[in-house]
Every structure is written in structure tokens, then in C-alpha cells.
Amino acid sequence: MRKENINESYQYVANVDSVPNAASPVATLTVPAGRVYKVQNGTPLILKLYNSSAAEIPVASTVWLSWMAPVGQTIYQAGNAMNYGIFQRIAISSQEDINTQGRRLIQFDDEEIARAASGQISIITGLPSNYQIMLMVNSTVAVDVTQANYAFNFDALVMTEAEYILQVTGKAAAVVA
């Protein structure tokens, strides 16, 4: 298992403009074949979002992490919503400072914690191939992901499916000849 920094340039991330006045993704990480991604509670989120006029989105906007299975259209909110104002007032370099990250940590909601505790698929226990992890936004304006200063990042733990099976079952995955 290794830690990878998921950001706007990460090879498996698709960035797309958000829809105003609706919960919509601005970044979607599709888990590649053979891998499992999980996010730890308390992982720092670093974020700068802009509209088409190159102005930061309003402070009253909200952001959070969600995920979706490869089949079906249910989007599961995993992280508690955060007010964008806690990101707007602070430069990216300051957001990366461990001493200022306390209010910008991804905190999982009770439903996601319950899913993980009951053994269901969750972002906490790990999402396998073709699942999607989404950075969601709800704002009165559309986020324009083509703006030069658009940025986000958070860390995820990445493992192979064999490592995941070993972690969950305590047994190595069967080798198919």
C-alpha cells in the first residue's frame, strides 16, 4: 500500500465544470483496473475553485467527497460538506502547512462510517476498479476547471487488489494460471 496525491493533473482524474445551484462533481477519479483506493478520515483537502471570470467561487459554496459504484447512479456522500470560505481565505501554500489544516480535513459522515463498520463497500474500506471518487461542489456559480489557478489535492491510499484481499481476508489472493 502506498500513498498517492490525487490532484487536478492525476492521470485517472477527469475535471469538468460544475453546474450552478446543484450538487455536481468538478473532479472524478475513476479507480483503474487492478487497484483499490481508500481515503483516511482526517485527510487534508487543499482547494482553489474559480468561475469563468477567474474569480473564486462564493464563500457560501460547499464542497465534499462522494463516490459512486460502476453500476447504478447512486452517489454516496462520504465526507461532511465544508464551507468553501475556509479555502478561499488561504493561499494554496498556506493550506499545505500542517499547522493550518485543522478546519480543512475530510471528515466522513455517519452513514459512510456505518457502511464501513457493517462491511459494505465504502471509501473508508476501499473502492475497487471502476468505482469513482468525486470532488463535489454546490455553488451559485459554475466552477470553471480550465482556469489557470484551479487546483485541488488530497491523499489516498492505493493498493493492488491482491493487497486488498490479503488485508480484508488475511489470505493471499488465488493465482489464476
N, C-alpha and C. Protein backbone atom coordinates (compact mmCIF):
# COMPACT_ATOMS: atom_id res chain seq x y z
N MET A 1 0.86 -1.17 0.00
CA MET A 1 0.00 0.00 0.00
C MET A 1 0.90 1.23 0.00
N ARG A 2 0.51 2.22 -0.79
CA ARG A 2 1.28 3.46 -0.85
C ARG A 2 0.31 4.64 -0.86
N LYS A 3 0.83 5.78 -0.52
CA LYS A 3 0.03 6.99 -0.53
C LYS A 3 0.28 7.72 -1.83
N GLU A 4 -0.80 8.13 -2.50
CA GLU A 4 -0.68 8.91 -3.72
C GLU A 4 -1.44 10.21 -3.55
N ASN A 5 -0.90 11.27 -4.16
CA ASN A 5 -1.56 12.57 -4.10
C ASN A 5 -2.50 12.69 -5.29
N ILE A 6 -3.80 12.78 -4.99
CA ILE A 6 -4.82 12.90 -6.02
C ILE A 6 -5.01 14.40 -6.27
N ASN A 7 -4.85 14.83 -7.51
CA ASN A 7 -4.95 16.26 -7.82
C ASN A 7 -5.53 16.44 -9.22
N GLU A 8 -5.66 17.69 -9.63
CA GLU A 8 -6.29 18.01 -10.91
C GLU A 8 -5.53 17.43 -12.11
N SER A 9 -4.26 17.09 -11.94
CA SER A 9 -3.45 16.54 -13.04
C SER A 9 -3.23 15.03 -12.92
N TYR A 10 -3.77 14.41 -11.91
CA TYR A 10 -3.59 12.97 -11.69
C TYR A 10 -4.14 12.22 -12.90
N GLN A 11 -3.43 11.21 -13.35
CA GLN A 11 -3.75 10.56 -14.62
C GLN A 11 -5.13 9.92 -14.70
N TYR A 12 -5.75 9.58 -13.59
CA TYR A 12 -7.07 8.95 -13.62
C TYR A 12 -8.20 9.91 -13.26
N VAL A 13 -7.91 11.20 -13.20
CA VAL A 13 -8.91 12.21 -12.83
C VAL A 13 -9.42 12.93 -14.07
N ALA A 14 -10.74 13.05 -14.15
CA ALA A 14 -11.38 13.87 -15.19
C ALA A 14 -11.95 15.10 -14.51
N ASN A 15 -11.59 16.26 -14.99
CA ASN A 15 -12.09 17.53 -14.45
C ASN A 15 -13.20 18.04 -15.37
N VAL A 16 -14.28 18.53 -14.78
CA VAL A 16 -15.41 19.02 -15.56
C VAL A 16 -16.05 20.20 -14.82
N ASP A 17 -16.49 21.19 -15.58
CA ASP A 17 -17.15 22.34 -14.97
C ASP A 17 -18.37 21.89 -14.20
N SER A 18 -18.64 22.54 -13.07
CA SER A 18 -19.80 22.19 -12.26
C SER A 18 -21.06 22.85 -12.81
N VAL A 19 -22.20 22.45 -12.28
CA VAL A 19 -23.49 23.01 -12.64
C VAL A 19 -23.89 23.98 -11.52
N PRO A 20 -24.25 25.21 -11.84
CA PRO A 20 -24.64 26.14 -10.78
C PRO A 20 -25.90 25.68 -10.05
N ASN A 21 -25.96 25.98 -8.76
CA ASN A 21 -27.12 25.70 -7.91
C ASN A 21 -27.49 24.23 -7.88
N ALA A 22 -26.50 23.36 -7.98
CA ALA A 22 -26.74 21.92 -7.90
C ALA A 22 -25.48 21.23 -7.40
N ALA A 23 -25.65 20.14 -6.68
CA ALA A 23 -24.51 19.35 -6.27
C ALA A 23 -23.96 18.65 -7.51
N SER A 24 -22.73 18.95 -7.88
CA SER A 24 -22.16 18.35 -9.08
C SER A 24 -20.65 18.17 -8.90
N PRO A 25 -20.10 17.16 -9.57
CA PRO A 25 -18.65 16.93 -9.45
C PRO A 25 -17.85 17.90 -10.31
N VAL A 26 -16.68 18.30 -9.80
CA VAL A 26 -15.73 19.05 -10.61
C VAL A 26 -14.53 18.17 -10.95
N ALA A 27 -14.35 17.11 -10.19
CA ALA A 27 -13.26 16.17 -10.46
C ALA A 27 -13.75 14.77 -10.12
N THR A 28 -13.46 13.84 -11.04
CA THR A 28 -13.86 12.45 -10.84
C THR A 28 -12.65 11.55 -11.06
N LEU A 29 -12.29 10.82 -10.03
CA LEU A 29 -11.22 9.83 -10.12
C LEU A 29 -11.87 8.48 -10.37
N THR A 30 -11.57 7.86 -11.49
CA THR A 30 -12.05 6.51 -11.77
C THR A 30 -10.94 5.53 -11.40
N VAL A 31 -11.24 4.64 -10.47
CA VAL A 31 -10.24 3.70 -9.98
C VAL A 31 -9.85 2.76 -11.13
N PRO A 32 -8.54 2.71 -11.46
CA PRO A 32 -8.11 1.87 -12.58
C PRO A 32 -8.14 0.37 -12.24
N ALA A 33 -8.15 -0.45 -13.27
CA ALA A 33 -8.18 -1.90 -13.11
C ALA A 33 -7.02 -2.37 -12.24
N GLY A 34 -7.32 -3.29 -11.34
CA GLY A 34 -6.29 -3.90 -10.51
C GLY A 34 -5.92 -3.12 -9.27
N ARG A 35 -6.60 -1.99 -9.03
CA ARG A 35 -6.26 -1.16 -7.86
C ARG A 35 -7.46 -0.97 -6.96
N VAL A 36 -7.17 -0.59 -5.72
CA VAL A 36 -8.18 -0.22 -4.73
C VAL A 36 -7.70 1.09 -4.10
N TYR A 37 -8.61 2.06 -4.01
CA TYR A 37 -8.30 3.37 -3.41
C TYR A 37 -9.13 3.54 -2.15
N LYS A 38 -8.51 4.08 -1.13
CA LYS A 38 -9.25 4.42 0.08
C LYS A 38 -8.72 5.75 0.62
N VAL A 39 -9.58 6.46 1.31
CA VAL A 39 -9.23 7.75 1.87
C VAL A 39 -9.39 7.65 3.38
N GLN A 40 -8.43 8.17 4.11
CA GLN A 40 -8.49 8.12 5.56
C GLN A 40 -9.26 9.32 6.10
N ASN A 41 -10.01 9.08 7.16
CA ASN A 41 -10.70 10.16 7.86
C ASN A 41 -9.64 11.14 8.36
N GLY A 42 -9.88 12.43 8.19
CA GLY A 42 -8.92 13.43 8.64
C GLY A 42 -7.85 13.76 7.62
N THR A 43 -8.03 13.33 6.38
CA THR A 43 -7.08 13.67 5.30
C THR A 43 -7.28 15.13 4.92
N PRO A 44 -6.21 15.92 4.83
CA PRO A 44 -6.35 17.32 4.42
C PRO A 44 -6.81 17.44 2.97
N LEU A 45 -7.70 18.40 2.74
CA LEU A 45 -8.14 18.76 1.39
C LEU A 45 -7.61 20.15 1.09
N ILE A 46 -6.96 20.29 -0.03
CA ILE A 46 -6.42 21.58 -0.48
C ILE A 46 -7.18 21.94 -1.74
N LEU A 47 -7.64 23.20 -1.82
CA LEU A 47 -8.63 23.52 -2.84
C LEU A 47 -8.62 25.00 -3.23
N LYS A 48 -8.72 25.25 -4.53
CA LYS A 48 -8.95 26.59 -5.09
C LYS A 48 -9.85 26.42 -6.30
N LEU A 49 -11.03 27.04 -6.26
CA LEU A 49 -12.02 26.91 -7.32
C LEU A 49 -12.41 28.29 -7.84
N TYR A 50 -12.52 28.40 -9.17
CA TYR A 50 -12.80 29.69 -9.81
C TYR A 50 -13.95 29.56 -10.80
N ASN A 51 -14.61 30.70 -11.04
CA ASN A 51 -15.66 30.73 -12.07
C ASN A 51 -15.03 31.15 -13.40
N SER A 52 -15.85 31.32 -14.43
CA SER A 52 -15.34 31.66 -15.76
C SER A 52 -14.73 33.05 -15.84
N SER A 53 -15.00 33.90 -14.84
CA SER A 53 -14.41 35.25 -14.80
C SER A 53 -13.11 35.28 -14.01
N ALA A 54 -12.61 34.12 -13.64
CA ALA A 54 -11.37 33.98 -12.86
C ALA A 54 -11.50 34.50 -11.45
N ALA A 55 -12.74 34.60 -10.94
CA ALA A 55 -12.97 34.97 -9.55
C ALA A 55 -13.24 33.70 -8.76
N GLU A 56 -12.78 33.68 -7.51
CA GLU A 56 -13.07 32.50 -6.70
C GLU A 56 -14.57 32.37 -6.47
N ILE A 57 -15.02 31.12 -6.34
CA ILE A 57 -16.44 30.89 -6.12
C ILE A 57 -16.84 31.48 -4.76
N PRO A 58 -18.13 31.75 -4.54
CA PRO A 58 -18.57 32.38 -3.29
C PRO A 58 -18.22 31.56 -2.04
N VAL A 59 -17.99 32.28 -0.95
CA VAL A 59 -17.64 31.63 0.31
C VAL A 59 -18.74 30.72 0.82
N ALA A 60 -19.99 30.97 0.46
CA ALA A 60 -21.11 30.16 0.92
C ALA A 60 -21.25 28.85 0.16
N SER A 61 -20.45 28.63 -0.85
CA SER A 61 -20.46 27.37 -1.60
C SER A 61 -20.02 26.24 -0.67
N THR A 62 -20.41 25.01 -1.00
CA THR A 62 -19.99 23.86 -0.20
C THR A 62 -19.26 22.85 -1.06
N VAL A 63 -18.35 22.11 -0.44
CA VAL A 63 -17.55 21.08 -1.11
C VAL A 63 -17.50 19.83 -0.23
N TRP A 64 -17.40 18.66 -0.87
CA TRP A 64 -17.29 17.40 -0.12
C TRP A 64 -16.86 16.29 -1.07
N LEU A 65 -16.48 15.15 -0.52
CA LEU A 65 -16.15 13.97 -1.31
C LEU A 65 -17.35 13.04 -1.36
N SER A 66 -17.55 12.43 -2.51
CA SER A 66 -18.58 11.42 -2.71
C SER A 66 -17.98 10.29 -3.52
N TRP A 67 -18.73 9.22 -3.66
CA TRP A 67 -18.29 8.11 -4.51
C TRP A 67 -19.49 7.45 -5.16
N MET A 68 -19.21 6.71 -6.24
CA MET A 68 -20.28 6.04 -6.98
C MET A 68 -19.76 4.70 -7.50
N ALA A 69 -20.63 3.69 -7.44
CA ALA A 69 -20.30 2.37 -7.96
C ALA A 69 -20.34 2.41 -9.49
N PRO A 70 -19.68 1.43 -10.15
CA PRO A 70 -19.67 1.42 -11.61
C PRO A 70 -21.03 1.13 -12.24
N VAL A 71 -21.94 0.56 -11.49
CA VAL A 71 -23.31 0.35 -11.97
C VAL A 71 -24.25 1.13 -11.06
N GLY A 72 -25.34 1.62 -11.63
CA GLY A 72 -26.26 2.43 -10.84
C GLY A 72 -25.85 3.88 -10.87
N GLN A 73 -26.72 4.70 -10.38
CA GLN A 73 -26.46 6.14 -10.41
C GLN A 73 -26.46 6.77 -9.01
N THR A 74 -26.45 5.94 -7.96
CA THR A 74 -26.45 6.47 -6.61
C THR A 74 -25.09 7.06 -6.28
N ILE A 75 -25.09 8.31 -5.89
CA ILE A 75 -23.87 8.98 -5.44
C ILE A 75 -23.92 9.02 -3.92
N TYR A 76 -22.94 8.39 -3.30
CA TYR A 76 -22.88 8.34 -1.84
C TYR A 76 -22.00 9.47 -1.33
N GLN A 77 -22.57 10.34 -0.53
CA GLN A 77 -21.76 11.38 0.09
C GLN A 77 -20.94 10.73 1.18
N ALA A 78 -19.63 10.89 1.11
CA ALA A 78 -18.75 10.26 2.09
C ALA A 78 -18.28 11.26 3.13
N GLY A 79 -17.88 12.43 2.66
CA GLY A 79 -17.34 13.44 3.57
C GLY A 79 -18.38 14.48 3.92
N ASN A 80 -18.27 14.98 5.15
CA ASN A 80 -19.15 16.08 5.54
C ASN A 80 -18.88 17.28 4.65
N ALA A 81 -19.93 18.02 4.32
CA ALA A 81 -19.79 19.22 3.49
C ALA A 81 -19.01 20.28 4.26
N MET A 82 -18.12 20.96 3.54
CA MET A 82 -17.33 22.05 4.10
C MET A 82 -17.67 23.33 3.37
N ASN A 83 -17.75 24.41 4.09
CA ASN A 83 -17.99 25.72 3.51
C ASN A 83 -16.74 26.16 2.76
N TYR A 84 -16.89 26.61 1.51
CA TYR A 84 -15.74 26.99 0.71
C TYR A 84 -14.95 28.16 1.31
N GLY A 85 -15.58 28.95 2.16
CA GLY A 85 -14.90 30.08 2.77
C GLY A 85 -13.61 29.71 3.48
N ILE A 86 -13.51 28.50 3.99
CA ILE A 86 -12.28 28.09 4.69
C ILE A 86 -11.13 27.83 3.73
N PHE A 87 -11.43 27.74 2.46
CA PHE A 87 -10.40 27.58 1.43
C PHE A 87 -10.09 28.92 0.76
N GLN A 88 -11.12 29.74 0.59
CA GLN A 88 -10.97 30.98 -0.16
C GLN A 88 -10.01 31.95 0.51
N ARG A 89 -10.02 32.01 1.79
CA ARG A 89 -9.20 32.98 2.51
C ARG A 89 -7.72 32.61 2.62
N ILE A 90 -7.36 31.41 2.17
CA ILE A 90 -6.00 30.93 2.41
C ILE A 90 -5.35 30.49 1.10
N ALA A 91 -4.14 30.97 0.86
CA ALA A 91 -3.38 30.59 -0.34
C ALA A 91 -3.06 29.10 -0.30
N ILE A 92 -2.87 28.51 -1.46
CA ILE A 92 -2.53 27.08 -1.55
C ILE A 92 -1.32 26.75 -0.68
N SER A 93 -0.27 27.57 -0.74
CA SER A 93 0.94 27.29 0.04
C SER A 93 0.63 27.25 1.54
N SER A 94 -0.27 28.09 2.00
CA SER A 94 -0.64 28.08 3.42
C SER A 94 -1.54 26.89 3.74
N GLN A 95 -2.38 26.48 2.79
CA GLN A 95 -3.23 25.32 3.02
C GLN A 95 -2.39 24.06 3.20
N GLU A 96 -1.23 24.01 2.56
CA GLU A 96 -0.35 22.85 2.67
C GLU A 96 0.39 22.79 3.99
N ASP A 97 0.38 23.87 4.75
CA ASP A 97 1.05 23.92 6.05
C ASP A 97 0.24 23.11 7.07
N ILE A 98 0.86 22.12 7.66
CA ILE A 98 0.17 21.23 8.59
C ILE A 98 -0.43 22.00 9.78
N ASN A 99 0.12 23.14 10.11
CA ASN A 99 -0.38 23.92 11.24
C ASN A 99 -1.68 24.66 10.94
N THR A 100 -2.08 24.73 9.67
CA THR A 100 -3.32 25.44 9.32
C THR A 100 -4.40 24.52 8.75
N GLN A 101 -4.17 23.22 8.76
CA GLN A 101 -5.08 22.30 8.08
C GLN A 101 -6.29 21.86 8.90
N GLY A 102 -6.34 22.16 10.16
CA GLY A 102 -7.36 21.62 11.05
C GLY A 102 -8.80 21.76 10.58
N ARG A 103 -9.16 22.88 9.96
CA ARG A 103 -10.53 23.10 9.53
C ARG A 103 -10.81 22.57 8.13
N ARG A 104 -9.79 22.12 7.44
CA ARG A 104 -9.95 21.66 6.06
C ARG A 104 -9.64 20.17 5.92
N LEU A 105 -10.02 19.40 6.92
CA LEU A 105 -9.80 17.96 6.89
C LEU A 105 -11.07 17.26 6.42
N ILE A 106 -10.90 16.24 5.58
CA ILE A 106 -12.04 15.44 5.14
C ILE A 106 -12.51 14.62 6.34
N GLN A 107 -13.73 14.85 6.74
CA GLN A 107 -14.33 14.11 7.85
C GLN A 107 -15.51 13.33 7.30
N PHE A 108 -15.52 12.02 7.52
CA PHE A 108 -16.59 11.19 6.98
C PHE A 108 -17.87 11.34 7.79
N ASP A 109 -19.00 11.29 7.07
CA ASP A 109 -20.28 11.41 7.74
C ASP A 109 -20.67 10.07 8.37
N ASP A 110 -21.70 10.10 9.22
CA ASP A 110 -22.12 8.91 9.96
C ASP A 110 -22.53 7.76 9.05
N GLU A 111 -23.18 8.06 7.92
CA GLU A 111 -23.60 7.00 7.01
C GLU A 111 -22.42 6.27 6.41
N GLU A 112 -21.38 7.00 6.03
CA GLU A 112 -20.19 6.36 5.46
C GLU A 112 -19.48 5.51 6.51
N ILE A 113 -19.40 6.01 7.71
CA ILE A 113 -18.78 5.25 8.80
C ILE A 113 -19.58 3.98 9.07
N ALA A 114 -20.91 4.08 9.04
CA ALA A 114 -21.77 2.91 9.25
C ALA A 114 -21.60 1.89 8.13
N ARG A 115 -21.49 2.36 6.88
CA ARG A 115 -21.26 1.45 5.76
C ARG A 115 -19.96 0.67 5.97
N ALA A 116 -18.91 1.37 6.35
CA ALA A 116 -17.61 0.72 6.57
C ALA A 116 -17.69 -0.26 7.74
N ALA A 117 -18.33 0.14 8.82
CA ALA A 117 -18.42 -0.71 10.01
C ALA A 117 -19.22 -1.99 9.75
N SER A 118 -20.18 -1.92 8.83
CA SER A 118 -21.00 -3.10 8.54
C SER A 118 -20.42 -3.97 7.42
N GLY A 119 -19.24 -3.61 6.94
CA GLY A 119 -18.58 -4.42 5.92
C GLY A 119 -19.01 -4.12 4.49
N GLN A 120 -19.79 -3.06 4.30
CA GLN A 120 -20.21 -2.68 2.94
C GLN A 120 -19.06 -1.93 2.25
N ILE A 121 -19.18 -1.84 0.94
CA ILE A 121 -18.21 -1.03 0.17
C ILE A 121 -18.29 0.40 0.69
N SER A 122 -17.13 1.00 0.87
CA SER A 122 -17.08 2.40 1.29
C SER A 122 -15.72 2.97 0.91
N ILE A 123 -15.65 4.28 0.89
CA ILE A 123 -14.38 4.95 0.60
C ILE A 123 -13.38 4.72 1.73
N ILE A 124 -13.89 4.38 2.91
CA ILE A 124 -13.04 4.14 4.09
C ILE A 124 -12.35 2.78 3.97
N THR A 125 -13.09 1.76 3.55
CA THR A 125 -12.53 0.41 3.46
C THR A 125 -11.83 0.17 2.13
N GLY A 126 -12.20 0.91 1.10
CA GLY A 126 -11.53 0.80 -0.19
C GLY A 126 -12.51 0.60 -1.33
N LEU A 127 -12.30 1.35 -2.41
CA LEU A 127 -13.13 1.26 -3.60
C LEU A 127 -12.32 0.59 -4.70
N PRO A 128 -12.83 -0.53 -5.27
CA PRO A 128 -12.09 -1.25 -6.30
C PRO A 128 -12.28 -0.65 -7.69
N SER A 129 -11.72 -1.33 -8.68
CA SER A 129 -11.73 -0.91 -10.08
C SER A 129 -13.08 -0.40 -10.55
N ASN A 130 -13.03 0.68 -11.30
CA ASN A 130 -14.17 1.32 -11.95
C ASN A 130 -15.11 2.08 -11.01
N TYR A 131 -14.87 2.05 -9.72
CA TYR A 131 -15.62 2.93 -8.82
C TYR A 131 -15.09 4.34 -9.05
N GLN A 132 -15.87 5.33 -8.68
CA GLN A 132 -15.46 6.72 -8.87
C GLN A 132 -15.47 7.46 -7.54
N ILE A 133 -14.43 8.26 -7.32
CA ILE A 133 -14.36 9.17 -6.18
C ILE A 133 -14.51 10.57 -6.77
N MET A 134 -15.47 11.34 -6.22
CA MET A 134 -15.78 12.64 -6.81
C MET A 134 -15.60 13.77 -5.79
N LEU A 135 -14.99 14.86 -6.26
CA LEU A 135 -14.97 16.10 -5.50
C LEU A 135 -16.20 16.88 -5.93
N MET A 136 -17.14 17.04 -5.01
CA MET A 136 -18.43 17.66 -5.32
C MET A 136 -18.45 19.12 -4.87
N VAL A 137 -19.23 19.92 -5.59
CA VAL A 137 -19.39 21.34 -5.29
C VAL A 137 -20.86 21.70 -5.44
N ASN A 138 -21.32 22.56 -4.55
CA ASN A 138 -22.64 23.17 -4.72
C ASN A 138 -22.43 24.67 -4.54
N SER A 139 -22.62 25.42 -5.62
CA SER A 139 -22.36 26.86 -5.61
C SER A 139 -23.38 27.56 -6.51
N THR A 140 -23.56 28.84 -6.29
CA THR A 140 -24.45 29.63 -7.13
C THR A 140 -23.85 29.89 -8.50
N VAL A 141 -22.54 29.64 -8.64
CA VAL A 141 -21.85 29.83 -9.92
C VAL A 141 -21.21 28.51 -10.35
N ALA A 142 -20.94 28.40 -11.63
CA ALA A 142 -20.26 27.20 -12.14
C ALA A 142 -18.76 27.32 -11.90
N VAL A 143 -18.15 26.23 -11.48
CA VAL A 143 -16.70 26.18 -11.38
C VAL A 143 -16.16 25.92 -12.78
N ASP A 144 -15.19 26.74 -13.19
CA ASP A 144 -14.54 26.59 -14.49
C ASP A 144 -13.18 25.92 -14.27
N VAL A 145 -13.08 24.64 -14.60
CA VAL A 145 -11.86 23.89 -14.32
C VAL A 145 -10.72 24.23 -15.28
N THR A 146 -10.99 25.08 -16.28
CA THR A 146 -9.92 25.49 -17.19
C THR A 146 -9.17 26.73 -16.68
N GLN A 147 -9.64 27.31 -15.59
CA GLN A 147 -8.94 28.47 -15.03
C GLN A 147 -7.54 28.06 -14.56
N ALA A 148 -6.56 28.90 -14.81
CA ALA A 148 -5.16 28.58 -14.54
C ALA A 148 -4.90 28.22 -13.08
N ASN A 149 -5.60 28.84 -12.15
CA ASN A 149 -5.32 28.61 -10.73
C ASN A 149 -6.20 27.53 -10.10
N TYR A 150 -7.06 26.89 -10.91
CA TYR A 150 -7.89 25.79 -10.41
C TYR A 150 -6.97 24.71 -9.85
N ALA A 151 -7.23 24.29 -8.62
CA ALA A 151 -6.38 23.27 -8.01
C ALA A 151 -7.12 22.57 -6.88
N PHE A 152 -6.81 21.30 -6.72
CA PHE A 152 -7.25 20.56 -5.55
C PHE A 152 -6.24 19.45 -5.33
N ASN A 153 -6.15 18.97 -4.12
CA ASN A 153 -5.42 17.74 -3.86
C ASN A 153 -5.76 17.19 -2.50
N PHE A 154 -5.67 15.88 -2.43
CA PHE A 154 -5.81 15.13 -1.18
C PHE A 154 -5.08 13.81 -1.39
N ASP A 155 -4.72 13.16 -0.31
CA ASP A 155 -4.01 11.90 -0.41
C ASP A 155 -4.97 10.73 -0.31
N ALA A 156 -4.66 9.67 -1.04
CA ALA A 156 -5.41 8.42 -0.97
C ALA A 156 -4.41 7.29 -0.81
N LEU A 157 -4.83 6.26 -0.11
CA LEU A 157 -4.02 5.05 0.00
C LEU A 157 -4.39 4.16 -1.18
N VAL A 158 -3.39 3.68 -1.89
CA VAL A 158 -3.60 2.88 -3.08
C VAL A 158 -2.92 1.53 -2.88
N MET A 159 -3.66 0.49 -3.22
CA MET A 159 -3.10 -0.86 -3.12
C MET A 159 -3.57 -1.68 -4.31
N THR A 160 -2.90 -2.77 -4.54
CA THR A 160 -3.35 -3.68 -5.58
C THR A 160 -4.55 -4.45 -5.03
N GLU A 161 -5.32 -5.06 -5.92
CA GLU A 161 -6.45 -5.86 -5.47
C GLU A 161 -5.97 -7.03 -4.62
N ALA A 162 -4.80 -7.61 -4.95
CA ALA A 162 -4.24 -8.71 -4.15
C ALA A 162 -3.90 -8.24 -2.73
N GLU A 163 -3.31 -7.04 -2.61
CA GLU A 163 -3.01 -6.49 -1.29
C GLU A 163 -4.30 -6.25 -0.50
N TYR A 164 -5.33 -5.77 -1.19
CA TYR A 164 -6.62 -5.52 -0.55
C TYR A 164 -7.24 -6.82 -0.04
N ILE A 165 -7.23 -7.86 -0.87
CA ILE A 165 -7.79 -9.15 -0.45
C ILE A 165 -7.03 -9.69 0.75
N LEU A 166 -5.72 -9.58 0.75
CA LEU A 166 -4.91 -10.02 1.89
C LEU A 166 -5.27 -9.24 3.14
N GLN A 167 -5.46 -7.93 3.00
CA GLN A 167 -5.80 -7.08 4.15
C GLN A 167 -7.17 -7.45 4.71
N VAL A 168 -8.14 -7.70 3.84
CA VAL A 168 -9.51 -7.97 4.27
C VAL A 168 -9.67 -9.39 4.81
N THR A 169 -9.07 -10.37 4.12
CA THR A 169 -9.30 -11.77 4.48
C THR A 169 -8.15 -12.37 5.29
N GLY A 170 -7.00 -11.77 5.22
CA GLY A 170 -5.83 -12.35 5.87
C GLY A 170 -5.21 -13.47 5.05
N LYS A 171 -5.74 -13.68 3.83
CA LYS A 171 -5.23 -14.73 2.96
C LYS A 171 -4.83 -14.13 1.63
N ALA A 172 -3.78 -14.67 1.06
CA ALA A 172 -3.33 -14.20 -0.26
C ALA A 172 -4.35 -14.56 -1.31
N ALA A 173 -4.47 -13.72 -2.32
CA ALA A 173 -5.40 -13.98 -3.43
C ALA A 173 -4.92 -15.20 -4.22
N ALA A 174 -5.89 -15.96 -4.70
CA ALA A 174 -5.56 -17.13 -5.51
C ALA A 174 -4.97 -16.67 -6.83
N VAL A 175 -3.97 -17.35 -7.29
CA VAL A 175 -3.33 -17.03 -8.56
C VAL A 175 -4.04 -17.82 -9.66
N VAL A 176 -4.47 -17.10 -10.70
CA VAL A 176 -5.13 -17.75 -11.83
C VAL A 176 -4.09 -18.01 -12.90
N ALA A 177 -4.01 -19.28 -13.33
CA ALA A 177 -2.99 -19.65 -14.33
C ALA A 177 -3.49 -19.38 -15.72
